[in-house]
């Protein structure tokens, strides 16, 4: 009996050890399968993220191009309108200066003749500034616009001061 008990114990230990190897193999196989599935999922997820990133980049580029187009069109439209308005103002100034020059010749006053000539020079400076608008870029548009407007305003003040109804200090002579 003792021999049988010993043999049974040996068999139990052998089976236990054999089952341990099989369990270890099963566990290793399950780990390998899980790692493979995880790797596949990670690669698929990375591919999805990369696709989404490319799509988002394309969307951002398209939006930036659209904004750039709109801004460029707006800038050119604004520039053209500004140029038209100032050109019309210079044409009005030319007509008024022509009339003032005719009056100054009749008055024959040197001071008046000099004032009309100074107004004509200011008008010419405004016209030169207006010509600079065609070479303005997005980077210097605000500065060129400001300088052109200042030159135009200076010429307009000089012409206004020559009007027969002008008051000292820039008044227009109208009712207060």
N, C-alpha and C. Protein backbone atom coordinates (compact mmCIF):
# COMPACT_ATOMS: atom_id res chain seq x y z
N UNK A 1 0.79 -1.14 0.00
CA UNK A 1 0.00 0.00 0.00
C UNK A 1 0.86 1.25 0.00
N UNK A 2 1.85 1.10 0.76
CA UNK A 2 2.77 2.19 0.80
C UNK A 2 3.35 2.46 -0.57
N UNK A 3 3.62 1.49 -1.33
CA UNK A 3 4.17 1.66 -2.65
C UNK A 3 3.14 2.30 -3.55
N UNK A 4 1.90 1.94 -3.36
CA UNK A 4 0.86 2.51 -4.17
C UNK A 4 0.63 3.97 -3.82
N UNK A 5 0.68 4.27 -2.58
CA UNK A 5 0.53 5.67 -2.16
C UNK A 5 1.66 6.50 -2.70
N UNK A 6 2.83 5.96 -2.69
CA UNK A 6 3.98 6.67 -3.22
C UNK A 6 3.84 6.86 -4.71
N UNK A 7 3.38 5.84 -5.39
CA UNK A 7 3.20 5.94 -6.84
C UNK A 7 2.12 6.96 -7.15
N UNK A 8 1.05 6.97 -6.37
CA UNK A 8 -0.04 7.94 -6.59
C UNK A 8 0.48 9.35 -6.35
N UNK A 9 1.29 9.51 -5.33
CA UNK A 9 1.84 10.84 -5.04
C UNK A 9 2.74 11.29 -6.16
N UNK A 10 3.53 10.34 -6.70
CA UNK A 10 4.42 10.67 -7.81
C UNK A 10 3.59 11.06 -9.02
N UNK A 11 2.51 10.31 -9.29
CA UNK A 11 1.66 10.64 -10.42
C UNK A 11 0.98 12.00 -10.24
N UNK A 12 0.52 12.28 -9.05
CA UNK A 12 -0.13 13.58 -8.78
C UNK A 12 0.87 14.70 -9.03
N UNK A 13 2.09 14.52 -8.53
CA UNK A 13 3.12 15.55 -8.73
C UNK A 13 3.45 15.68 -10.21
N UNK A 14 3.53 14.57 -10.92
CA UNK A 14 3.85 14.61 -12.34
C UNK A 14 2.73 15.31 -13.11
N UNK A 15 1.47 14.94 -12.78
CA UNK A 15 0.36 15.60 -13.45
C UNK A 15 0.32 17.09 -13.12
N UNK A 16 0.61 17.42 -11.90
CA UNK A 16 0.60 18.83 -11.50
C UNK A 16 1.67 19.59 -12.26
N UNK A 17 2.84 18.99 -12.35
CA UNK A 17 3.91 19.64 -13.08
C UNK A 17 3.59 19.71 -14.57
N UNK A 18 3.00 18.64 -15.13
CA UNK A 18 2.64 18.61 -16.54
C UNK A 18 1.55 19.63 -16.81
N UNK A 19 0.56 19.74 -15.93
CA UNK A 19 -0.51 20.73 -16.09
C UNK A 19 0.08 22.13 -16.01
N UNK A 20 1.05 22.35 -15.19
CA UNK A 20 1.69 23.67 -15.06
C UNK A 20 2.31 24.07 -16.37
N UNK A 21 2.97 23.15 -17.08
CA UNK A 21 3.57 23.46 -18.38
C UNK A 21 2.48 23.80 -19.39
N UNK A 22 1.40 22.99 -19.37
CA UNK A 22 0.32 23.24 -20.31
C UNK A 22 -0.34 24.58 -20.01
N UNK A 23 -0.57 24.89 -18.74
CA UNK A 23 -1.17 26.18 -18.36
C UNK A 23 -0.26 27.33 -18.77
N UNK A 24 1.05 27.12 -18.54
CA UNK A 24 1.98 28.17 -18.94
C UNK A 24 1.94 28.38 -20.45
N UNK A 25 1.88 27.29 -21.22
CA UNK A 25 1.79 27.41 -22.67
C UNK A 25 0.50 28.11 -23.07
N UNK A 26 -0.62 27.73 -22.43
CA UNK A 26 -1.91 28.38 -22.71
C UNK A 26 -1.85 29.86 -22.39
N UNK A 27 -1.29 30.20 -21.24
CA UNK A 27 -1.20 31.60 -20.83
C UNK A 27 -0.32 32.37 -21.79
N UNK A 28 0.80 31.80 -22.19
CA UNK A 28 1.70 32.47 -23.13
C UNK A 28 0.99 32.67 -24.47
N UNK A 29 0.24 31.67 -24.90
CA UNK A 29 -0.48 31.76 -26.16
C UNK A 29 -1.55 32.86 -26.07
N UNK A 30 -2.26 32.91 -24.96
CA UNK A 30 -3.28 33.96 -24.77
C UNK A 30 -2.63 35.34 -24.75
N UNK A 31 -1.50 35.45 -24.13
CA UNK A 31 -0.79 36.74 -24.07
C UNK A 31 -0.36 37.16 -25.48
N UNK A 32 0.17 36.20 -26.24
CA UNK A 32 0.57 36.49 -27.62
C UNK A 32 -0.63 36.95 -28.45
N UNK A 33 -1.76 36.23 -28.31
CA UNK A 33 -2.97 36.61 -29.05
C UNK A 33 -3.45 38.01 -28.65
N UNK A 34 -3.45 38.27 -27.36
CA UNK A 34 -3.90 39.58 -26.87
C UNK A 34 -2.96 40.68 -27.37
N UNK A 35 -1.66 40.41 -27.38
CA UNK A 35 -0.69 41.40 -27.86
C UNK A 35 -0.90 41.66 -29.34
N UNK A 36 -1.17 40.57 -30.10
CA UNK A 36 -1.41 40.73 -31.53
C UNK A 36 -2.66 41.56 -31.79
N UNK A 37 -3.73 41.25 -31.07
CA UNK A 37 -4.98 41.99 -31.23
C UNK A 37 -4.79 43.46 -30.83
N UNK A 38 -4.09 43.69 -29.75
CA UNK A 38 -3.83 45.06 -29.29
C UNK A 38 -2.99 45.80 -30.30
N UNK A 39 -1.98 45.15 -30.83
CA UNK A 39 -1.11 45.77 -31.84
C UNK A 39 -1.92 46.14 -33.08
N UNK A 40 -2.80 45.19 -33.51
CA UNK A 40 -3.64 45.49 -34.68
C UNK A 40 -4.55 46.69 -34.40
N UNK A 41 -5.14 46.71 -33.21
CA UNK A 41 -6.04 47.81 -32.84
C UNK A 41 -5.28 49.14 -32.78
N UNK A 42 -4.08 49.09 -32.21
CA UNK A 42 -3.26 50.29 -32.12
C UNK A 42 -2.88 50.79 -33.51
N UNK A 43 -2.49 49.87 -34.38
CA UNK A 43 -2.13 50.28 -35.74
C UNK A 43 -3.33 50.85 -36.48
N UNK A 44 -4.49 50.22 -36.32
CA UNK A 44 -5.71 50.73 -36.96
C UNK A 44 -6.06 52.12 -36.40
N UNK A 45 -5.95 52.26 -35.07
CA UNK A 45 -6.23 53.56 -34.45
C UNK A 45 -5.25 54.62 -34.91
N UNK A 46 -3.98 54.26 -35.02
CA UNK A 46 -2.96 55.21 -35.48
C UNK A 46 -3.24 55.61 -36.92
N UNK A 47 -3.67 54.67 -37.73
CA UNK A 47 -4.00 54.97 -39.12
C UNK A 47 -5.20 55.92 -39.17
N UNK A 48 -6.22 55.67 -38.32
CA UNK A 48 -7.39 56.55 -38.27
C UNK A 48 -7.00 57.96 -37.83
N UNK A 49 -6.13 58.05 -36.83
CA UNK A 49 -5.67 59.35 -36.35
C UNK A 49 -4.88 60.08 -37.43
N UNK A 50 -4.03 59.36 -38.14
CA UNK A 50 -3.25 59.97 -39.22
C UNK A 50 -4.18 60.49 -40.32
N UNK A 51 -5.20 59.68 -40.68
CA UNK A 51 -6.16 60.12 -41.69
C UNK A 51 -6.91 61.37 -41.22
N UNK A 52 -7.33 61.36 -39.98
CA UNK A 52 -8.05 62.52 -39.43
C UNK A 52 -7.14 63.74 -39.41
N UNK A 53 -5.88 63.54 -39.08
CA UNK A 53 -4.92 64.65 -39.08
C UNK A 53 -4.73 65.23 -40.47
N UNK A 54 -4.62 64.35 -41.46
CA UNK A 54 -4.49 64.83 -42.85
C UNK A 54 -5.74 65.60 -43.27
N UNK A 55 -6.91 65.06 -42.93
CA UNK A 55 -8.16 65.74 -43.28
C UNK A 55 -8.25 67.11 -42.59
N UNK A 56 -7.87 67.16 -41.33
CA UNK A 56 -7.92 68.43 -40.60
C UNK A 56 -6.93 69.43 -41.20
N UNK A 57 -5.75 68.96 -41.58
CA UNK A 57 -4.75 69.84 -42.20
C UNK A 57 -5.28 70.39 -43.52
N UNK A 58 -5.91 69.52 -44.31
CA UNK A 58 -6.50 69.97 -45.58
C UNK A 58 -7.58 71.02 -45.33
N UNK A 59 -8.42 70.77 -44.31
CA UNK A 59 -9.49 71.72 -43.99
C UNK A 59 -8.92 73.07 -43.57
N UNK A 60 -7.88 73.04 -42.75
CA UNK A 60 -7.26 74.28 -42.29
C UNK A 60 -6.63 75.03 -43.47
N UNK A 61 -5.95 74.31 -44.34
CA UNK A 61 -5.34 74.95 -45.52
C UNK A 61 -6.41 75.58 -46.40
N UNK A 62 -7.51 74.86 -46.62
CA UNK A 62 -8.60 75.40 -47.44
C UNK A 62 -9.19 76.65 -46.81
N UNK A 63 -9.41 76.61 -45.50
CA UNK A 63 -9.98 77.77 -44.81
C UNK A 63 -9.02 78.95 -44.86
N UNK A 64 -7.73 78.70 -44.69
CA UNK A 64 -6.74 79.78 -44.75
C UNK A 64 -6.69 80.38 -46.14
N UNK A 65 -6.77 79.55 -47.17
CA UNK A 65 -6.79 80.06 -48.54
C UNK A 65 -8.05 80.89 -48.79
N UNK A 66 -9.20 80.42 -48.28
CA UNK A 66 -10.44 81.17 -48.45
C UNK A 66 -10.36 82.53 -47.77
N UNK A 67 -9.84 82.55 -46.54
CA UNK A 67 -9.70 83.81 -45.82
C UNK A 67 -8.73 84.72 -46.55
N UNK A 68 -7.62 84.16 -47.03
CA UNK A 68 -6.65 84.95 -47.78
C UNK A 68 -7.27 85.53 -49.04
N UNK A 69 -8.08 84.73 -49.74
CA UNK A 69 -8.75 85.22 -50.94
C UNK A 69 -9.71 86.35 -50.59
N UNK A 70 -10.52 86.12 -49.54
CA UNK A 70 -11.47 87.16 -49.13
C UNK A 70 -10.76 88.43 -48.72
N UNK A 71 -9.69 88.29 -47.95
CA UNK A 71 -8.94 89.45 -47.49
C UNK A 71 -8.30 90.17 -48.67
N UNK A 72 -7.73 89.41 -49.61
CA UNK A 72 -7.12 90.02 -50.77
C UNK A 72 -8.15 90.76 -51.61
N UNK A 73 -9.32 90.14 -51.83
CA UNK A 73 -10.36 90.80 -52.59
C UNK A 73 -10.84 92.05 -51.87
N UNK A 74 -11.01 91.94 -50.56
CA UNK A 74 -11.47 93.09 -49.78
C UNK A 74 -10.45 94.21 -49.87
N UNK A 75 -9.19 93.89 -49.75
CA UNK A 75 -8.15 94.90 -49.79
C UNK A 75 -8.13 95.60 -51.14
N UNK A 76 -8.25 94.84 -52.23
CA UNK A 76 -8.26 95.47 -53.54
C UNK A 76 -9.52 96.31 -53.74
N UNK A 77 -10.65 95.79 -53.28
CA UNK A 77 -11.89 96.57 -53.39
C UNK A 77 -11.79 97.85 -52.58
N UNK A 78 -11.28 97.73 -51.36
CA UNK A 78 -11.14 98.90 -50.50
C UNK A 78 -10.17 99.90 -51.14
N UNK A 79 -9.06 99.40 -51.67
CA UNK A 79 -8.06 100.26 -52.29
C UNK A 79 -8.64 100.99 -53.50
N UNK A 80 -9.39 100.27 -54.33
CA UNK A 80 -10.00 100.88 -55.51
C UNK A 80 -11.02 101.95 -55.13
N UNK A 81 -11.84 101.65 -54.14
CA UNK A 81 -12.84 102.63 -53.70
C UNK A 81 -12.16 103.88 -53.12
N UNK A 82 -11.15 103.68 -52.31
CA UNK A 82 -10.41 104.79 -51.71
C UNK A 82 -9.77 105.64 -52.82
N UNK A 83 -9.17 104.97 -53.79
CA UNK A 83 -8.53 105.69 -54.91
C UNK A 83 -9.57 106.48 -55.71
N UNK A 84 -10.73 105.88 -55.98
CA UNK A 84 -11.79 106.58 -56.73
C UNK A 84 -12.27 107.82 -55.98
N UNK A 85 -12.48 107.67 -54.65
CA UNK A 85 -12.95 108.80 -53.85
C UNK A 85 -11.93 109.94 -53.87
N UNK A 86 -10.66 109.60 -53.69
CA UNK A 86 -9.64 110.66 -53.69
C UNK A 86 -9.46 111.27 -55.07
N UNK A 87 -9.54 110.44 -56.10
CA UNK A 87 -9.43 110.96 -57.48
C UNK A 87 -10.56 111.96 -57.75
N UNK A 88 -11.76 111.64 -57.33
CA UNK A 88 -12.90 112.56 -57.50
C UNK A 88 -12.65 113.85 -56.71
N UNK A 89 -12.10 113.73 -55.50
CA UNK A 89 -11.78 114.91 -54.70
C UNK A 89 -10.72 115.78 -55.37
N UNK A 90 -9.71 115.14 -55.97
CA UNK A 90 -8.67 115.90 -56.68
C UNK A 90 -9.25 116.60 -57.91
N UNK A 91 -10.18 115.95 -58.58
CA UNK A 91 -10.82 116.58 -59.74
C UNK A 91 -11.61 117.81 -59.31
N UNK A 92 -12.33 117.72 -58.20
CA UNK A 92 -13.05 118.89 -57.67
C UNK A 92 -12.08 120.00 -57.29
N UNK A 93 -10.96 119.59 -56.67
CA UNK A 93 -9.94 120.57 -56.29
C UNK A 93 -9.37 121.27 -57.51
N UNK A 94 -9.11 120.51 -58.57
CA UNK A 94 -8.58 121.10 -59.82
C UNK A 94 -9.53 122.17 -60.34
N UNK A 95 -10.81 121.85 -60.37
CA UNK A 95 -11.79 122.83 -60.88
C UNK A 95 -11.81 124.07 -60.00
N UNK A 96 -11.78 123.88 -58.70
CA UNK A 96 -11.81 125.03 -57.79
C UNK A 96 -10.52 125.84 -57.88
N UNK A 97 -9.38 125.14 -57.98
CA UNK A 97 -8.11 125.86 -58.11
C UNK A 97 -8.05 126.66 -59.41
N UNK A 98 -8.61 126.12 -60.47
CA UNK A 98 -8.62 126.83 -61.75
C UNK A 98 -9.41 128.14 -61.59
N UNK A 99 -10.55 128.04 -60.95
CA UNK A 99 -11.36 129.24 -60.70
C UNK A 99 -10.64 130.22 -59.79
N UNK A 100 -9.99 129.71 -58.75
CA UNK A 100 -9.26 130.59 -57.82
C UNK A 100 -8.07 131.25 -58.50
N UNK A 101 -7.40 130.52 -59.39
CA UNK A 101 -6.27 131.11 -60.13
C UNK A 101 -6.75 132.24 -61.04
N UNK A 102 -7.91 132.03 -61.66
CA UNK A 102 -8.47 133.08 -62.52
C UNK A 102 -8.79 134.32 -61.67
N UNK A 103 -9.37 134.11 -60.49
CA UNK A 103 -9.70 135.24 -59.61
C UNK A 103 -8.42 135.91 -59.11
N UNK A 104 -7.38 135.12 -58.81
CA UNK A 104 -6.14 135.70 -58.29
C UNK A 104 -5.48 136.56 -59.35
N UNK A 105 -5.57 136.16 -60.62
CA UNK A 105 -4.99 136.96 -61.69
C UNK A 105 -5.70 138.31 -61.78
N UNK A 106 -7.00 138.32 -61.57
CA UNK A 106 -7.76 139.56 -61.61
C UNK A 106 -7.46 140.44 -60.41
N UNK A 107 -7.24 139.83 -59.25
CA UNK A 107 -6.94 140.59 -58.03
C UNK A 107 -5.52 141.13 -58.08
N UNK A 108 -4.64 140.40 -58.74
CA UNK A 108 -3.23 140.75 -58.87
C UNK A 108 -2.52 140.90 -57.54
N UNK A 109 -3.09 140.34 -56.47
CA UNK A 109 -2.42 140.39 -55.18
C UNK A 109 -1.38 139.28 -55.10
N UNK A 110 -0.15 139.67 -54.74
CA UNK A 110 0.95 138.69 -54.69
C UNK A 110 0.69 137.62 -53.63
N UNK A 111 0.17 138.03 -52.51
CA UNK A 111 -0.10 137.08 -51.43
C UNK A 111 -1.15 136.05 -51.87
N UNK A 112 -2.16 136.53 -52.56
CA UNK A 112 -3.21 135.62 -53.04
C UNK A 112 -2.65 134.68 -54.11
N UNK A 113 -1.83 135.20 -55.01
CA UNK A 113 -1.22 134.38 -56.05
C UNK A 113 -0.33 133.31 -55.43
N UNK A 114 0.43 133.70 -54.41
CA UNK A 114 1.30 132.74 -53.71
C UNK A 114 0.49 131.68 -52.97
N UNK A 115 -0.62 132.09 -52.37
CA UNK A 115 -1.47 131.14 -51.64
C UNK A 115 -2.08 130.12 -52.61
N UNK A 116 -2.51 130.59 -53.79
CA UNK A 116 -3.06 129.68 -54.79
C UNK A 116 -1.97 128.72 -55.27
N UNK A 117 -0.77 129.22 -55.48
CA UNK A 117 0.35 128.37 -55.90
C UNK A 117 0.67 127.33 -54.83
N UNK A 118 0.63 127.73 -53.56
CA UNK A 118 0.89 126.79 -52.46
C UNK A 118 -0.19 125.71 -52.42
N UNK A 119 -1.44 126.10 -52.67
CA UNK A 119 -2.54 125.13 -52.70
C UNK A 119 -2.35 124.16 -53.87
N UNK A 120 -1.89 124.69 -55.00
CA UNK A 120 -1.64 123.85 -56.18
C UNK A 120 -0.52 122.83 -55.87
N UNK A 121 0.53 123.30 -55.15
CA UNK A 121 1.62 122.40 -54.76
C UNK A 121 1.11 121.30 -53.81
N UNK A 122 0.26 121.69 -52.87
CA UNK A 122 -0.30 120.72 -51.93
C UNK A 122 -1.16 119.69 -52.68
N UNK A 123 -1.89 120.16 -53.68
CA UNK A 123 -2.71 119.27 -54.50
C UNK A 123 -1.82 118.28 -55.26
N UNK A 124 -0.69 118.77 -55.79
CA UNK A 124 0.25 117.91 -56.51
C UNK A 124 0.84 116.86 -55.58
N UNK A 125 1.16 117.26 -54.35
CA UNK A 125 1.69 116.30 -53.37
C UNK A 125 0.64 115.23 -53.07
N UNK A 126 -0.63 115.63 -52.98
CA UNK A 126 -1.70 114.66 -52.73
C UNK A 126 -1.82 113.69 -53.91
N UNK A 127 -1.66 114.21 -55.13
CA UNK A 127 -1.72 113.35 -56.31
C UNK A 127 -0.57 112.34 -56.33
N UNK A 128 0.61 112.77 -55.92
CA UNK A 128 1.76 111.85 -55.85
C UNK A 128 1.51 110.76 -54.82
N UNK A 129 0.94 111.15 -53.69
CA UNK A 129 0.61 110.15 -52.66
C UNK A 129 -0.42 109.17 -53.20
N UNK A 130 -1.37 109.69 -53.95
CA UNK A 130 -2.39 108.82 -54.54
C UNK A 130 -1.76 107.81 -55.49
N UNK A 131 -0.75 108.23 -56.23
CA UNK A 131 -0.04 107.32 -57.14
C UNK A 131 0.66 106.20 -56.39
N UNK A 132 1.06 106.46 -55.14
CA UNK A 132 1.73 105.42 -54.33
C UNK A 132 0.79 104.28 -53.97
N UNK A 133 -0.51 104.55 -54.00
CA UNK A 133 -1.47 103.50 -53.63
C UNK A 133 -1.36 102.28 -54.54
N UNK A 134 -1.04 102.49 -55.80
CA UNK A 134 -0.99 101.35 -56.72
C UNK A 134 0.14 100.38 -56.36
N UNK A 135 1.17 100.86 -55.68
CA UNK A 135 2.27 99.99 -55.28
C UNK A 135 2.15 99.50 -53.85
N UNK A 136 1.04 99.82 -53.19
CA UNK A 136 0.88 99.41 -51.80
C UNK A 136 0.69 97.91 -51.70
N UNK A 137 1.26 97.34 -50.66
CA UNK A 137 1.11 95.91 -50.38
C UNK A 137 0.26 95.74 -49.14
N UNK A 138 -0.11 94.52 -48.84
CA UNK A 138 -0.89 94.27 -47.63
C UNK A 138 -0.12 94.72 -46.40
N UNK A 139 1.21 94.59 -46.45
CA UNK A 139 2.04 94.94 -45.29
C UNK A 139 2.09 96.45 -45.05
N UNK A 140 2.04 97.26 -46.12
CA UNK A 140 2.17 98.71 -45.90
C UNK A 140 0.91 99.48 -46.27
N UNK A 141 -0.19 98.79 -46.54
CA UNK A 141 -1.42 99.44 -46.98
C UNK A 141 -1.90 100.49 -45.98
N UNK A 142 -1.97 100.16 -44.71
CA UNK A 142 -2.48 101.11 -43.72
C UNK A 142 -1.62 102.38 -43.68
N UNK A 143 -0.32 102.21 -43.73
CA UNK A 143 0.58 103.37 -43.69
C UNK A 143 0.42 104.23 -44.94
N UNK A 144 0.40 103.62 -46.12
CA UNK A 144 0.25 104.38 -47.37
C UNK A 144 -1.11 105.07 -47.40
N UNK A 145 -2.14 104.39 -46.97
CA UNK A 145 -3.48 104.98 -46.94
C UNK A 145 -3.51 106.20 -46.01
N UNK A 146 -2.91 106.06 -44.84
CA UNK A 146 -2.88 107.16 -43.86
C UNK A 146 -2.12 108.36 -44.43
N UNK A 147 -0.96 108.10 -45.03
CA UNK A 147 -0.16 109.20 -45.60
C UNK A 147 -0.89 109.88 -46.75
N UNK A 148 -1.53 109.10 -47.60
CA UNK A 148 -2.27 109.66 -48.73
C UNK A 148 -3.44 110.51 -48.24
N UNK A 149 -4.16 110.01 -47.26
CA UNK A 149 -5.30 110.76 -46.70
C UNK A 149 -4.81 112.06 -46.06
N UNK A 150 -3.68 112.01 -45.37
CA UNK A 150 -3.13 113.23 -44.73
C UNK A 150 -2.74 114.27 -45.79
N UNK A 151 -2.12 113.82 -46.87
CA UNK A 151 -1.73 114.74 -47.95
C UNK A 151 -2.98 115.33 -48.61
N UNK A 152 -3.98 114.52 -48.84
CA UNK A 152 -5.23 115.00 -49.43
C UNK A 152 -5.90 116.01 -48.51
N UNK A 153 -5.98 115.71 -47.22
CA UNK A 153 -6.61 116.63 -46.26
C UNK A 153 -5.86 117.95 -46.20
N UNK A 154 -4.53 117.92 -46.25
CA UNK A 154 -3.73 119.15 -46.22
C UNK A 154 -4.03 120.01 -47.45
N UNK A 155 -4.11 119.39 -48.61
CA UNK A 155 -4.43 120.14 -49.84
C UNK A 155 -5.84 120.71 -49.76
N UNK A 156 -6.76 119.93 -49.26
CA UNK A 156 -8.15 120.38 -49.14
C UNK A 156 -8.26 121.58 -48.19
N UNK A 157 -7.51 121.57 -47.09
CA UNK A 157 -7.51 122.71 -46.15
C UNK A 157 -6.98 123.96 -46.84
N UNK A 158 -5.93 123.81 -47.63
CA UNK A 158 -5.35 124.97 -48.31
C UNK A 158 -6.33 125.56 -49.32
N UNK A 159 -7.00 124.71 -50.05
CA UNK A 159 -7.99 125.19 -51.03
C UNK A 159 -9.15 125.85 -50.30
N UNK A 160 -9.62 125.24 -49.22
CA UNK A 160 -10.73 125.80 -48.44
C UNK A 160 -10.37 127.18 -47.91
N UNK A 161 -9.13 127.35 -47.49
CA UNK A 161 -8.71 128.65 -46.95
C UNK A 161 -8.72 129.74 -48.02
N UNK A 162 -8.67 129.38 -49.28
CA UNK A 162 -8.67 130.36 -50.37
C UNK A 162 -10.08 130.80 -50.77
N UNK A 163 -11.08 130.13 -50.32
CA UNK A 163 -12.46 130.48 -50.70
C UNK A 163 -12.78 131.89 -50.19
N UNK A 164 -13.54 132.64 -50.97
CA UNK A 164 -13.87 134.01 -50.58
C UNK A 164 -14.61 134.09 -49.24
N UNK A 165 -15.37 133.07 -48.90
CA UNK A 165 -16.14 133.11 -47.65
C UNK A 165 -15.39 132.48 -46.47
N UNK A 166 -14.10 132.15 -46.66
CA UNK A 166 -13.32 131.50 -45.60
C UNK A 166 -13.06 132.47 -44.48
N UNK A 167 -13.17 131.98 -43.27
CA UNK A 167 -12.86 132.78 -42.08
C UNK A 167 -11.47 132.39 -41.59
N UNK A 168 -10.83 133.24 -40.83
CA UNK A 168 -9.56 132.85 -40.22
C UNK A 168 -9.75 131.60 -39.35
N UNK A 169 -8.71 130.84 -39.21
CA UNK A 169 -8.70 129.63 -38.38
C UNK A 169 -9.54 128.51 -39.00
N UNK A 170 -9.77 128.60 -40.31
CA UNK A 170 -10.41 127.47 -41.01
C UNK A 170 -11.91 127.47 -41.02
N UNK A 171 -12.56 128.54 -40.54
CA UNK A 171 -14.03 128.60 -40.59
C UNK A 171 -14.49 128.72 -42.03
N UNK A 172 -15.75 128.43 -42.27
CA UNK A 172 -16.28 128.47 -43.64
C UNK A 172 -17.07 129.75 -43.90
N UNK A 173 -17.31 130.55 -42.91
CA UNK A 173 -18.02 131.81 -43.12
C UNK A 173 -19.52 131.64 -43.07
N UNK A 174 -20.00 130.46 -42.87
CA UNK A 174 -21.44 130.22 -42.81
C UNK A 174 -22.00 130.61 -41.46
N UNK A 175 -23.31 130.46 -41.27
CA UNK A 175 -23.91 130.80 -39.98
C UNK A 175 -23.38 129.89 -38.87
N UNK A 176 -23.25 130.45 -37.69
CA UNK A 176 -22.71 129.67 -36.57
C UNK A 176 -23.80 129.08 -35.75
